[in-house]
Structures are given as C-alpha cells and as structure tokens.
Amino acid sequence: MSPDQHQWFQDGSGCNGAASCWMTAANLLTLAQMIAVVAVITFIAWTCMQAYENWANEEIKSGQMIFIWARAVFVLLVMLFLIIN
C-alpha cells in the first residue's frame, strides 16, 4: 500500500493517532484470506463426501467419483494459489 492509502485506511478504521490499533490493513487481509480458505476447504470436503455417498448408494460409478474428486482438488489448488498469491 502507498503511504496515502495506509493513512486513509487508518482514518477510516478510527486508528488515527490511537496507541492500540487492533485492526490494520494487513490484519484485515489475513482475516479475509483465512475465511476464504476455510470456506473453500469446507466446500471441497462436502463435495467429496457427497460423491462418496452417491457412489456408495450406487447412483454414480467409481470413475465418476474419482473425476469429481480430481476436479475438486484442482479447484482447491487453483483457489489456494489465488488466495495465497
């Protein structure tokens, strides 16, 4: 962030000149990334469990289940790459 952007964030968060600013731009970015990672991992786990349950109930074939798992892992890797970088 540029110095002006940092100052604008401090002004907007009420930390202008305060000794104990608990919310900074870096902390807010980290929080947003953590929430996104938890949401993505939860969705991928749910998708894999649903594919396994459908396979166990003989609604889909094993090849389809493995394809769903591979697609879910690919989405997970892409999302984590985008969130981390």
C-alpha atoms as a PDB file:
ATOM      1  CA  MET A   1       0.000   0.000   0.000  1.00  0.00           C
ATOM      2  CA  SER A   2       1.118   3.515  -0.622  1.00  0.00           C
ATOM      3  CA  PRO A   3       1.559   5.837   2.368  1.00  0.00           C
ATOM      4  CA  ASP A   4      -1.597   7.726   1.378  1.00  0.00           C
ATOM      5  CA  GLN A   5      -3.653   4.518   1.209  1.00  0.00           C
ATOM      6  CA  HIS A   6      -2.301   3.438   4.585  1.00  0.00           C
ATOM      7  CA  GLN A   7      -3.281   6.778   6.100  1.00  0.00           C
ATOM      8  CA  TRP A   8      -6.762   6.614   4.534  1.00  0.00           C
ATOM      9  CA  PHE A   9      -7.276   3.134   5.978  1.00  0.00           C
ATOM     10  CA  GLN A  10      -6.158   4.336   9.392  1.00  0.00           C
ATOM     11  CA  ASP A  11      -8.557   7.294   9.186  1.00  0.00           C
ATOM     12  CA  GLY A  12     -11.447   5.061   8.123  1.00  0.00           C
ATOM     13  CA  SER A  13     -10.855   2.468  10.841  1.00  0.00           C
ATOM     14  CA  GLY A  14     -10.661   5.036  13.631  1.00  0.00           C
ATOM     15  CA  CYS A  15      -6.990   4.331  14.401  1.00  0.00           C
ATOM     16  CA  ASN A  16      -5.725   7.776  13.510  1.00  0.00           C
ATOM     17  CA  GLY A  17      -3.242   8.524  16.281  1.00  0.00           C
ATOM     18  CA  ALA A  18      -4.553   5.847  18.662  1.00  0.00           C
ATOM     19  CA  ALA A  19      -1.976   3.858  20.614  1.00  0.00           C
ATOM     20  CA  SER A  20      -3.712   0.494  20.301  1.00  0.00           C
ATOM     21  CA  CYS A  21      -4.988  -0.102  16.786  1.00  0.00           C
ATOM     22  CA  TRP A  22      -6.171  -3.709  16.657  1.00  0.00           C
ATOM     23  CA  MET A  23      -7.378  -3.517  13.068  1.00  0.00           C
ATOM     24  CA  THR A  24      -4.822  -2.819  10.394  1.00  0.00           C
ATOM     25  CA  ALA A  25      -4.972  -3.366   6.653  1.00  0.00           C
ATOM     26  CA  ALA A  26      -2.636  -6.378   6.902  1.00  0.00           C
ATOM     27  CA  ASN A  27      -4.749  -7.970   9.645  1.00  0.00           C
ATOM     28  CA  LEU A  28      -7.924  -7.425   7.640  1.00  0.00           C
ATOM     29  CA  LEU A  29      -6.382  -9.030   4.548  1.00  0.00           C
ATOM     30  CA  THR A  30      -5.213 -12.021   6.599  1.00  0.00           C
ATOM     31  CA  LEU A  31      -8.688 -12.418   8.091  1.00  0.00           C
ATOM     32  CA  ALA A  32     -10.324 -12.324   4.648  1.00  0.00           C
ATOM     33  CA  GLN A  33      -7.871 -14.923   3.336  1.00  0.00           C
ATOM     34  CA  MET A  34      -8.483 -17.215   6.323  1.00  0.00           C
ATOM     35  CA  ILE A  35     -12.250 -17.024   5.883  1.00  0.00           C
ATOM     36  CA  ALA A  36     -11.935 -17.772   2.165  1.00  0.00           C
ATOM     37  CA  VAL A  37      -9.637 -20.746   2.751  1.00  0.00           C
ATOM     38  CA  VAL A  38     -11.970 -22.244   5.365  1.00  0.00           C
ATOM     39  CA  ALA A  39     -14.950 -21.804   3.035  1.00  0.00           C
ATOM     40  CA  VAL A  40     -13.145 -23.407   0.085  1.00  0.00           C
ATOM     41  CA  ILE A  41     -11.830 -26.346   2.118  1.00  0.00           C
ATOM     42  CA  THR A  42     -15.286 -26.936   3.626  1.00  0.00           C
ATOM     43  CA  PHE A  43     -16.905 -26.882   0.178  1.00  0.00           C
ATOM     44  CA  ILE A  44     -14.329 -29.290  -1.262  1.00  0.00           C
ATOM     45  CA  ALA A  45     -14.767 -31.685   1.680  1.00  0.00           C
ATOM     46  CA  TRP A  46     -18.565 -31.555   1.273  1.00  0.00           C
ATOM     47  CA  THR A  47     -18.273 -32.210  -2.476  1.00  0.00           C
ATOM     48  CA  CYS A  48     -16.024 -35.228  -1.937  1.00  0.00           C
ATOM     49  CA  MET A  49     -18.324 -36.637   0.760  1.00  0.00           C
ATOM     50  CA  GLN A  50     -21.379 -36.235  -1.469  1.00  0.00           C
ATOM     51  CA  ALA A  51     -19.585 -38.009  -4.319  1.00  0.00           C
ATOM     52  CA  TYR A  52     -18.617 -40.847  -1.978  1.00  0.00           C
ATOM     53  CA  GLU A  53     -22.181 -41.169  -0.652  1.00  0.00           C
ATOM     54  CA  ASN A  54     -23.577 -41.224  -4.196  1.00  0.00           C
ATOM     55  CA  TRP A  55     -21.040 -43.917  -5.122  1.00  0.00           C
ATOM     56  CA  ALA A  56     -21.939 -45.948  -2.003  1.00  0.00           C
ATOM     57  CA  ASN A  57     -25.633 -45.712  -2.938  1.00  0.00           C
ATOM     58  CA  GLU A  58     -24.697 -46.849  -6.466  1.00  0.00           C
ATOM     59  CA  GLU A  59     -26.015 -43.636  -8.013  1.00  0.00           C
ATOM     60  CA  ILE A  60     -22.706 -42.939  -9.764  1.00  0.00           C
ATOM     61  CA  LYS A  61     -19.833 -45.134 -10.938  1.00  0.00           C
ATOM     62  CA  SER A  62     -16.376 -45.174  -9.378  1.00  0.00           C
ATOM     63  CA  GLY A  63     -14.882 -43.395 -12.396  1.00  0.00           C
ATOM     64  CA  GLN A  64     -17.317 -40.530 -11.943  1.00  0.00           C
ATOM     65  CA  MET A  65     -16.493 -40.302  -8.230  1.00  0.00           C
ATOM     66  CA  ILE A  66     -12.770 -40.134  -8.933  1.00  0.00           C
ATOM     67  CA  PHE A  67     -13.363 -37.494 -11.621  1.00  0.00           C
ATOM     68  CA  ILE A  68     -15.380 -35.386  -9.137  1.00  0.00           C
ATOM     69  CA  TRP A  69     -12.606 -35.748  -6.549  1.00  0.00           C
ATOM     70  CA  ALA A  70      -9.927 -34.766  -9.076  1.00  0.00           C
ATOM     71  CA  ARG A  71     -11.951 -31.761 -10.195  1.00  0.00           C
ATOM     72  CA  ALA A  72     -12.489 -30.716  -6.563  1.00  0.00           C
ATOM     73  CA  VAL A  73      -8.778 -30.991  -5.783  1.00  0.00           C
ATOM     74  CA  PHE A  74      -7.973 -28.962  -8.901  1.00  0.00           C
ATOM     75  CA  VAL A  75     -10.398 -26.227  -7.819  1.00  0.00           C
ATOM     76  CA  LEU A  76      -8.858 -26.311  -4.337  1.00  0.00           C
ATOM     77  CA  LEU A  77      -5.350 -25.873  -5.726  1.00  0.00           C
ATOM     78  CA  VAL A  78      -6.380 -23.007  -8.004  1.00  0.00           C
ATOM     79  CA  MET A  79      -8.265 -21.225  -5.219  1.00  0.00           C
ATOM     80  CA  LEU A  80      -5.433 -21.620  -2.736  1.00  0.00           C
ATOM     81  CA  PHE A  81      -2.969 -20.315  -5.303  1.00  0.00           C
ATOM     82  CA  LEU A  82      -5.141 -17.264  -5.919  1.00  0.00           C
ATOM     83  CA  ILE A  83      -5.712 -16.623  -2.227  1.00  0.00           C
ATOM     84  CA  ILE A  84      -2.092 -17.022  -1.179  1.00  0.00           C
ATOM     85  CA  ASN A  85      -0.569 -15.034  -4.048  1.00  0.00           C
END
